[in-house]
Amino acid sequence: MATKANHKHKKHPDRPVTYQPYQIQISPTLLVSAASLLITLLALMVFVTRNKWVFTRKLGIGLIILWCISTVCNLVIEGTGAWTEMS
């Protein structure tokens, strides 16, 4: 961005230098995956420290269920295109 703006400014020194951000489109499945990752990390931080640093079977099953829910949500979004209809 800076190189392009500086190059443009060299061509037209009478105009001010303008920096414009890149437009990045983030897919809905990426948002769901990022949210589930954040929830997973926060849950691990809370529950493992509460359980005296022991990873129990109950916690493992909970994480598998969370993964299944996020995967199903991603499949539904991709399969039906539900997110694009909302936005």
PDB file of N, CA and C in Angstrom:
ATOM      1  N   MET A   1       0.827  -1.180   0.000  1.00  0.00           N
ATOM      2  CA  MET A   1       0.000   0.000   0.000  1.00  0.00           C
ATOM      3  C   MET A   1       0.873   1.247   0.000  1.00  0.00           C
ATOM      4  N   ALA A   2       1.883   1.248   0.853  1.00  0.00           N
ATOM      5  CA  ALA A   2       2.733   2.430   0.957  1.00  0.00           C
ATOM      6  C   ALA A   2       3.545   2.638  -0.308  1.00  0.00           C
ATOM      7  N   THR A   3       4.035   1.550  -0.901  1.00  0.00           N
ATOM      8  CA  THR A   3       4.823   1.657  -2.125  1.00  0.00           C
ATOM      9  C   THR A   3       3.981   2.208  -3.259  1.00  0.00           C
ATOM     10  N   LYS A   4       2.763   1.705  -3.369  1.00  0.00           N
ATOM     11  CA  LYS A   4       1.873   2.177  -4.423  1.00  0.00           C
ATOM     12  C   LYS A   4       1.532   3.654  -4.234  1.00  0.00           C
ATOM     13  N   ALA A   5       1.259   4.046  -2.988  1.00  0.00           N
ATOM     14  CA  ALA A   5       0.925   5.445  -2.713  1.00  0.00           C
ATOM     15  C   ALA A   5       2.126   6.352  -2.975  1.00  0.00           C
ATOM     16  N   ASN A   6       3.312   5.912  -2.586  1.00  0.00           N
ATOM     17  CA  ASN A   6       4.514   6.716  -2.833  1.00  0.00           C
ATOM     18  C   ASN A   6       4.813   6.827  -4.319  1.00  0.00           C
ATOM     19  N   HIS A   7       4.614   5.725  -5.059  1.00  0.00           N
ATOM     20  CA  HIS A   7       4.839   5.740  -6.501  1.00  0.00           C
ATOM     21  C   HIS A   7       3.857   6.702  -7.177  1.00  0.00           C
ATOM     22  N   LYS A   8       2.609   6.645  -6.745  1.00  0.00           N
ATOM     23  CA  LYS A   8       1.594   7.542  -7.300  1.00  0.00           C
ATOM     24  C   LYS A   8       1.909   9.000  -6.959  1.00  0.00           C
ATOM     25  N   HIS A   9       2.451   9.215  -5.746  1.00  0.00           N
ATOM     26  CA  HIS A   9       2.793  10.574  -5.328  1.00  0.00           C
ATOM     27  C   HIS A   9       3.974  11.120  -6.142  1.00  0.00           C
ATOM     28  N   LYS A  10       4.890  10.241  -6.541  1.00  0.00           N
ATOM     29  CA  LYS A  10       6.015  10.682  -7.369  1.00  0.00           C
ATOM     30  C   LYS A  10       5.536  11.122  -8.748  1.00  0.00           C
ATOM     31  N   LYS A  11       4.508  10.431  -9.254  1.00  0.00           N
ATOM     32  CA  LYS A  11       3.960  10.808 -10.554  1.00  0.00           C
ATOM     33  C   LYS A  11       3.187  12.121 -10.477  1.00  0.00           C
ATOM     34  N   HIS A  12       2.468  12.305  -9.368  1.00  0.00           N
ATOM     35  CA  HIS A  12       1.635  13.499  -9.185  1.00  0.00           C
ATOM     36  C   HIS A  12       1.989  14.160  -7.854  1.00  0.00           C
ATOM     37  N   PRO A  13       3.081  14.940  -7.814  1.00  0.00           N
ATOM     38  CA  PRO A  13       3.513  15.527  -6.540  1.00  0.00           C
ATOM     39  C   PRO A  13       2.562  16.608  -6.008  1.00  0.00           C
ATOM     40  N   ASP A  14       1.689  17.141  -6.865  1.00  0.00           N
ATOM     41  CA  ASP A  14       0.775  18.176  -6.397  1.00  0.00           C
ATOM     42  C   ASP A  14      -0.398  17.590  -5.593  1.00  0.00           C
ATOM     43  N   ARG A  15      -0.653  16.302  -5.720  1.00  0.00           N
ATOM     44  CA  ARG A  15      -1.750  15.656  -4.985  1.00  0.00           C
ATOM     45  C   ARG A  15      -1.236  15.118  -3.651  1.00  0.00           C
ATOM     46  N   PRO A  16      -2.110  15.059  -2.646  1.00  0.00           N
ATOM     47  CA  PRO A  16      -1.665  14.513  -1.351  1.00  0.00           C
ATOM     48  C   PRO A  16      -1.501  12.989  -1.423  1.00  0.00           C
ATOM     49  N   VAL A  17      -0.685  12.473  -0.526  1.00  0.00           N
ATOM     50  CA  VAL A  17      -0.463  11.027  -0.455  1.00  0.00           C
ATOM     51  C   VAL A  17      -1.670  10.407   0.244  1.00  0.00           C
ATOM     52  N   THR A  18      -2.255   9.413  -0.388  1.00  0.00           N
ATOM     53  CA  THR A  18      -3.405   8.747   0.218  1.00  0.00           C
ATOM     54  C   THR A  18      -3.115   7.259   0.354  1.00  0.00           C
ATOM     55  N   TYR A  19      -3.297   6.777   1.541  1.00  0.00           N
ATOM     56  CA  TYR A  19      -3.155   5.355   1.820  1.00  0.00           C
ATOM     57  C   TYR A  19      -4.556   4.776   1.987  1.00  0.00           C
ATOM     58  N   GLN A  20      -4.830   3.706   1.280  1.00  0.00           N
ATOM     59  CA  GLN A  20      -6.136   3.072   1.376  1.00  0.00           C
ATOM     60  C   GLN A  20      -5.955   1.639   1.842  1.00  0.00           C
ATOM     61  N   PRO A  21      -6.838   1.182   2.725  1.00  0.00           N
ATOM     62  CA  PRO A  21      -6.709  -0.199   3.204  1.00  0.00           C
ATOM     63  C   PRO A  21      -7.162  -1.197   2.153  1.00  0.00           C
ATOM     64  N   TYR A  22      -6.633  -2.400   2.269  1.00  0.00           N
ATOM     65  CA  TYR A  22      -7.079  -3.494   1.414  1.00  0.00           C
ATOM     66  C   TYR A  22      -8.439  -3.974   1.895  1.00  0.00           C
ATOM     67  N   GLN A  23      -9.290  -4.323   0.968  1.00  0.00           N
ATOM     68  CA  GLN A  23     -10.588  -4.901   1.306  1.00  0.00           C
ATOM     69  C   GLN A  23     -10.429  -6.412   1.380  1.00  0.00           C
ATOM     70  N   ILE A  24     -10.663  -6.974   2.548  1.00  0.00           N
ATOM     71  CA  ILE A  24     -10.536  -8.408   2.749  1.00  0.00           C
ATOM     72  C   ILE A  24     -11.910  -8.966   3.071  1.00  0.00           C
ATOM     73  N   GLN A  25     -12.321  -9.965   2.314  1.00  0.00           N
ATOM     74  CA  GLN A  25     -13.596 -10.611   2.579  1.00  0.00           C
ATOM     75  C   GLN A  25     -13.334 -11.866   3.391  1.00  0.00           C
ATOM     76  N   ILE A  26     -13.984 -11.947   4.527  1.00  0.00           N
ATOM     77  CA  ILE A  26     -13.820 -13.080   5.426  1.00  0.00           C
ATOM     78  C   ILE A  26     -15.041 -13.970   5.283  1.00  0.00           C
ATOM     79  N   SER A  27     -14.807 -15.238   5.030  1.00  0.00           N
ATOM     80  CA  SER A  27     -15.922 -16.161   4.833  1.00  0.00           C
ATOM     81  C   SER A  27     -16.601 -16.453   6.172  1.00  0.00           C
ATOM     82  N   PRO A  28     -17.884 -16.765   6.132  1.00  0.00           N
ATOM     83  CA  PRO A  28     -18.610 -17.065   7.370  1.00  0.00           C
ATOM     84  C   PRO A  28     -18.079 -18.314   8.076  1.00  0.00           C
ATOM     85  N   THR A  29     -17.594 -19.276   7.310  1.00  0.00           N
ATOM     86  CA  THR A  29     -17.058 -20.479   7.945  1.00  0.00           C
ATOM     87  C   THR A  29     -15.777 -20.171   8.720  1.00  0.00           C
ATOM     88  N   LEU A  30     -15.011 -19.204   8.228  1.00  0.00           N
ATOM     89  CA  LEU A  30     -13.821 -18.797   8.966  1.00  0.00           C
ATOM     90  C   LEU A  30     -14.209 -18.142  10.278  1.00  0.00           C
ATOM     91  N   LEU A  31     -15.267 -17.347  10.275  1.00  0.00           N
ATOM     92  CA  LEU A  31     -15.728 -16.723  11.511  1.00  0.00           C
ATOM     93  C   LEU A  31     -16.217 -17.759  12.518  1.00  0.00           C
ATOM     94  N   VAL A  32     -16.961 -18.755  12.042  1.00  0.00           N
ATOM     95  CA  VAL A  32     -17.446 -19.818  12.931  1.00  0.00           C
ATOM     96  C   VAL A  32     -16.265 -20.605  13.488  1.00  0.00           C
ATOM     97  N   SER A  33     -15.297 -20.911  12.648  1.00  0.00           N
ATOM     98  CA  SER A  33     -14.119 -21.657  13.104  1.00  0.00           C
ATOM     99  C   SER A  33     -13.307 -20.859  14.117  1.00  0.00           C
ATOM    100  N   ALA A  34     -13.138 -19.574  13.862  1.00  0.00           N
ATOM    101  CA  ALA A  34     -12.387 -18.730  14.796  1.00  0.00           C
ATOM    102  C   ALA A  34     -13.113 -18.610  16.126  1.00  0.00           C
ATOM    103  N   ALA A  35     -14.433 -18.473  16.091  1.00  0.00           N
ATOM    104  CA  ALA A  35     -15.212 -18.370  17.327  1.00  0.00           C
ATOM    105  C   ALA A  35     -15.139 -19.673  18.113  1.00  0.00           C
ATOM    106  N   SER A  36     -15.237 -20.799  17.422  1.00  0.00           N
ATOM    107  CA  SER A  36     -15.161 -22.081  18.134  1.00  0.00           C
ATOM    108  C   SER A  36     -13.767 -22.313  18.705  1.00  0.00           C
ATOM    109  N   LEU A  37     -12.736 -21.879  18.002  1.00  0.00           N
ATOM    110  CA  LEU A  37     -11.376 -21.995  18.528  1.00  0.00           C
ATOM    111  C   LEU A  37     -11.208 -21.142  19.778  1.00  0.00           C
ATOM    112  N   LEU A  38     -11.733 -19.931  19.745  1.00  0.00           N
ATOM    113  CA  LEU A  38     -11.644 -19.052  20.907  1.00  0.00           C
ATOM    114  C   LEU A  38     -12.395 -19.634  22.094  1.00  0.00           C
ATOM    115  N   ILE A  39     -13.575 -20.173  21.850  1.00  0.00           N
ATOM    116  CA  ILE A  39     -14.361 -20.792  22.922  1.00  0.00           C
ATOM    117  C   ILE A  39     -13.624 -22.007  23.479  1.00  0.00           C
ATOM    118  N   THR A  40     -13.025 -22.801  22.600  1.00  0.00           N
ATOM    119  CA  THR A  40     -12.269 -23.978  23.035  1.00  0.00           C
ATOM    120  C   THR A  40     -11.097 -23.588  23.922  1.00  0.00           C
ATOM    121  N   LEU A  41     -10.350 -22.586  23.501  1.00  0.00           N
ATOM    122  CA  LEU A  41      -9.188 -22.161  24.293  1.00  0.00           C
ATOM    123  C   LEU A  41      -9.592 -21.582  25.636  1.00  0.00           C
ATOM    124  N   LEU A  42     -10.659 -20.788  25.646  1.00  0.00           N
ATOM    125  CA  LEU A  42     -11.133 -20.235  26.918  1.00  0.00           C
ATOM    126  C   LEU A  42     -11.653 -21.336  27.844  1.00  0.00           C
ATOM    127  N   ALA A  43     -12.382 -22.303  27.279  1.00  0.00           N
ATOM    128  CA  ALA A  43     -12.887 -23.410  28.091  1.00  0.00           C
ATOM    129  C   ALA A  43     -11.730 -24.215  28.673  1.00  0.00           C
ATOM    130  N   LEU A  44     -10.721 -24.487  27.859  1.00  0.00           N
ATOM    131  CA  LEU A  44      -9.561 -25.214  28.373  1.00  0.00           C
ATOM    132  C   LEU A  44      -8.858 -24.440  29.473  1.00  0.00           C
ATOM    133  N   MET A  45      -8.703 -23.149  29.274  1.00  0.00           N
ATOM    134  CA  MET A  45      -8.033 -22.323  30.270  1.00  0.00           C
ATOM    135  C   MET A  45      -8.787 -22.356  31.604  1.00  0.00           C
ATOM    136  N   VAL A  46     -10.106 -22.291  31.535  1.00  0.00           N
ATOM    137  CA  VAL A  46     -10.903 -22.262  32.760  1.00  0.00           C
ATOM    138  C   VAL A  46     -10.974 -23.636  33.412  1.00  0.00           C
ATOM    139  N   PHE A  47     -11.377 -24.644  32.648  1.00  0.00           N
ATOM    140  CA  PHE A  47     -11.672 -25.942  33.247  1.00  0.00           C
ATOM    141  C   PHE A  47     -10.431 -26.743  33.633  1.00  0.00           C
ATOM    142  N   VAL A  48      -9.365 -26.632  32.875  1.00  0.00           N
ATOM    143  CA  VAL A  48      -8.154 -27.365  33.233  1.00  0.00           C
ATOM    144  C   VAL A  48      -7.510 -26.758  34.475  1.00  0.00           C
ATOM    145  N   THR A  49      -7.491 -25.446  34.576  1.00  0.00           N
ATOM    146  CA  THR A  49      -6.918 -24.826  35.784  1.00  0.00           C
ATOM    147  C   THR A  49      -7.803 -25.085  37.004  1.00  0.00           C
ATOM    148  N   ARG A  50      -9.113 -25.135  36.816  1.00  0.00           N
ATOM    149  CA  ARG A  50     -10.018 -25.453  37.935  1.00  0.00           C
ATOM    150  C   ARG A  50      -9.846 -26.888  38.411  1.00  0.00           C
ATOM    151  N   ASN A  51      -9.468 -27.760  37.502  1.00  0.00           N
ATOM    152  CA  ASN A  51      -9.356 -29.179  37.809  1.00  0.00           C
ATOM    153  C   ASN A  51      -7.929 -29.565  38.208  1.00  0.00           C
ATOM    154  N   LYS A  52      -7.161 -28.613  38.684  1.00  0.00           N
ATOM    155  CA  LYS A  52      -5.784 -28.829  39.138  1.00  0.00           C
ATOM    156  C   LYS A  52      -4.902 -29.423  38.040  1.00  0.00           C
ATOM    157  N   TRP A  53      -5.020 -28.894  36.840  1.00  0.00           N
ATOM    158  CA  TRP A  53      -4.206 -29.235  35.685  1.00  0.00           C
ATOM    159  C   TRP A  53      -4.355 -30.693  35.262  1.00  0.00           C
ATOM    160  N   VAL A  54      -5.551 -31.241  35.460  1.00  0.00           N
ATOM    161  CA  VAL A  54      -5.827 -32.608  35.036  1.00  0.00           C
ATOM    162  C   VAL A  54      -6.859 -32.556  33.914  1.00  0.00           C
ATOM    163  N   PHE A  55      -6.548 -33.209  32.824  1.00  0.00           N
ATOM    164  CA  PHE A  55      -7.441 -33.267  31.669  1.00  0.00           C
ATOM    165  C   PHE A  55      -8.292 -34.521  31.803  1.00  0.00           C
ATOM    166  N   THR A  56      -9.564 -34.343  32.126  1.00  0.00           N
ATOM    167  CA  THR A  56     -10.431 -35.488  32.399  1.00  0.00           C
ATOM    168  C   THR A  56     -11.174 -35.949  31.158  1.00  0.00           C
ATOM    169  N   ARG A  57     -11.777 -37.123  31.282  1.00  0.00           N
ATOM    170  CA  ARG A  57     -12.568 -37.688  30.192  1.00  0.00           C
ATOM    171  C   ARG A  57     -13.774 -36.794  29.894  1.00  0.00           C
ATOM    172  N   LYS A  58     -14.371 -36.253  30.925  1.00  0.00           N
ATOM    173  CA  LYS A  58     -15.539 -35.377  30.769  1.00  0.00           C
ATOM    174  C   LYS A  58     -15.178 -34.136  29.941  1.00  0.00           C
ATOM    175  N   LEU A  59     -14.037 -33.572  30.208  1.00  0.00           N
ATOM    176  CA  LEU A  59     -13.576 -32.401  29.450  1.00  0.00           C
ATOM    177  C   LEU A  59     -13.280 -32.781  28.003  1.00  0.00           C
ATOM    178  N   GLY A  60     -12.685 -33.940  27.793  1.00  0.00           N
ATOM    179  CA  GLY A  60     -12.401 -34.398  26.434  1.00  0.00           C
ATOM    180  C   GLY A  60     -13.670 -34.605  25.626  1.00  0.00           C
ATOM    181  N   ILE A  61     -14.678 -35.203  26.244  1.00  0.00           N
ATOM    182  CA  ILE A  61     -15.954 -35.404  25.560  1.00  0.00           C
ATOM    183  C   ILE A  61     -16.613 -34.060  25.249  1.00  0.00           C
ATOM    184  N   GLY A  62     -16.513 -33.122  26.178  1.00  0.00           N
ATOM    185  CA  GLY A  62     -17.056 -31.780  25.934  1.00  0.00           C
ATOM    186  C   GLY A  62     -16.386 -31.099  24.757  1.00  0.00           C
ATOM    187  N   LEU A  63     -15.082 -31.266  24.632  1.00  0.00           N
ATOM    188  CA  LEU A  63     -14.357 -30.672  23.505  1.00  0.00           C
ATOM    189  C   LEU A  63     -14.735 -31.336  22.184  1.00  0.00           C
ATOM    190  N   ILE A  64     -14.934 -32.648  22.207  1.00  0.00           N
ATOM    191  CA  ILE A  64     -15.367 -33.344  20.995  1.00  0.00           C
ATOM    192  C   ILE A  64     -16.758 -32.867  20.577  1.00  0.00           C
ATOM    193  N   ILE A  65     -17.641 -32.676  21.542  1.00  0.00           N
ATOM    194  CA  ILE A  65     -18.988 -32.172  21.244  1.00  0.00           C
ATOM    195  C   ILE A  65     -18.912 -30.762  20.669  1.00  0.00           C
ATOM    196  N   LEU A  66     -18.067 -29.914  21.241  1.00  0.00           N
ATOM    197  CA  LEU A  66     -17.897 -28.553  20.714  1.00  0.00           C
ATOM    198  C   LEU A  66     -17.369 -28.580  19.293  1.00  0.00           C
ATOM    199  N   TRP A  67     -16.426 -29.462  19.010  1.00  0.00           N
ATOM    200  CA  TRP A  67     -15.901 -29.598  17.654  1.00  0.00           C
ATOM    201  C   TRP A  67     -16.995 -30.058  16.692  1.00  0.00           C
ATOM    202  N   CYS A  68     -17.801 -31.043  17.120  1.00  0.00           N
ATOM    203  CA  CYS A  68     -18.893 -31.539  16.265  1.00  0.00           C
ATOM    204  C   CYS A  68     -19.902 -30.429  15.965  1.00  0.00           C
ATOM    205  N   ILE A  69     -20.239 -29.638  16.965  1.00  0.00           N
ATOM    206  CA  ILE A  69     -21.197 -28.548  16.766  1.00  0.00           C
ATOM    207  C   ILE A  69     -20.648 -27.521  15.773  1.00  0.00           C
ATOM    208  N   SER A  70     -19.390 -27.139  15.927  1.00  0.00           N
ATOM    209  CA  SER A  70     -18.824 -26.144  15.009  1.00  0.00           C
ATOM    210  C   SER A  70     -18.692 -26.703  13.591  1.00  0.00           C
ATOM    211  N   THR A  71     -18.365 -27.984  13.467  1.00  0.00           N
ATOM    212  CA  THR A  71     -18.263 -28.600  12.148  1.00  0.00           C
ATOM    213  C   THR A  71     -19.624 -28.670  11.470  1.00  0.00           C
ATOM    214  N   VAL A  72     -20.654 -29.051  12.222  1.00  0.00           N
ATOM    215  CA  VAL A  72     -22.007 -29.096  11.664  1.00  0.00           C
ATOM    216  C   VAL A  72     -22.459 -27.695  11.252  1.00  0.00           C
ATOM    217  N   CYS A  73     -22.157 -26.701  12.065  1.00  0.00           N
ATOM    218  CA  CYS A  73     -22.510 -25.313  11.701  1.00  0.00           C
ATOM    219  C   CYS A  73     -21.822 -24.904  10.399  1.00  0.00           C
ATOM    220  N   ASN A  74     -20.539 -25.234  10.260  1.00  0.00           N
ATOM    221  CA  ASN A  74     -19.818 -24.909   9.026  1.00  0.00           C
ATOM    222  C   ASN A  74     -20.406 -25.639   7.823  1.00  0.00           C
ATOM    223  N   LEU A  75     -20.771 -26.900   8.008  1.00  0.00           N
ATOM    224  CA  LEU A  75     -21.365 -27.657   6.903  1.00  0.00           C
ATOM    225  C   LEU A  75     -22.723 -27.083   6.499  1.00  0.00           C
ATOM    226  N   VAL A  76     -23.518 -26.683   7.473  1.00  0.00           N
ATOM    227  CA  VAL A  76     -24.824 -26.091   7.171  1.00  0.00           C
ATOM    228  C   VAL A  76     -24.655 -24.766   6.437  1.00  0.00           C
ATOM    229  N   ILE A  77     -23.718 -23.956   6.898  1.00  0.00           N
ATOM    230  CA  ILE A  77     -23.484 -22.661   6.252  1.00  0.00           C
ATOM    231  C   ILE A  77     -23.006 -22.859   4.814  1.00  0.00           C
ATOM    232  N   GLU A  78     -22.068 -23.782   4.616  1.00  0.00           N
ATOM    233  CA  GLU A  78     -21.551 -24.018   3.275  1.00  0.00           C
ATOM    234  C   GLU A  78     -22.595 -24.670   2.382  1.00  0.00           C
ATOM    235  N   GLY A  79     -23.347 -25.614   2.921  1.00  0.00           N
ATOM    236  CA  GLY A  79     -24.301 -26.349   2.119  1.00  0.00           C
ATOM    237  C   GLY A  79     -25.520 -25.549   1.706  1.00  0.00           C
ATOM    238  N   THR A  80     -26.034 -24.745   2.612  1.00  0.00           N
ATOM    239  CA  THR A  80     -27.258 -24.003   2.318  1.00  0.00           C
ATOM    240  C   THR A  80     -26.999 -22.578   1.877  1.00  0.00           C
ATOM    241  N   GLY A  81     -25.844 -22.050   2.180  1.00  0.00           N
ATOM    242  CA  GLY A  81     -25.575 -20.649   1.872  1.00  0.00           C
ATOM    243  C   GLY A  81     -26.399 -19.730   2.749  1.00  0.00           C
ATOM    244  N   ALA A  82     -26.710 -20.191   3.960  1.00  0.00           N
ATOM    245  CA  ALA A  82     -27.593 -19.444   4.868  1.00  0.00           C
ATOM    246  C   ALA A  82     -26.996 -18.097   5.263  1.00  0.00           C
ATOM    247  N   TRP A  83     -25.706 -18.034   5.443  1.00  0.00           N
ATOM    248  CA  TRP A  83     -25.079 -16.794   5.913  1.00  0.00           C
ATOM    249  C   TRP A  83     -25.175 -15.700   4.853  1.00  0.00           C
ATOM    250  N   THR A  84     -25.028 -16.044   3.588  1.00  0.00           N
ATOM    251  CA  THR A  84     -25.068 -15.028   2.531  1.00  0.00           C
ATOM    252  C   THR A  84     -26.468 -14.448   2.381  1.00  0.00           C
ATOM    253  N   GLU A  85     -27.495 -15.243   2.712  1.00  0.00           N
ATOM    254  CA  GLU A  85     -28.864 -14.723   2.640  1.00  0.00           C
ATOM    255  C   GLU A  85     -29.115 -13.712   3.746  1.00  0.00           C
ATOM    256  N   MET A  86     -28.476 -13.891   4.909  1.00  0.00           N
ATOM    257  CA  MET A  86     -28.673 -12.979   6.025  1.00  0.00           C
ATOM    258  C   MET A  86     -27.988 -11.646   5.800  1.00  0.00           C
ATOM    259  N   SER A  87     -26.815 -11.675   5.165  1.00  0.00           N
ATOM    260  CA  SER A  87     -26.052 -10.437   5.004  1.00  0.00           C
ATOM    261  C   SER A  87     -26.348  -9.715   3.737  1.00  0.00           C
TER     262      SER A  87
END
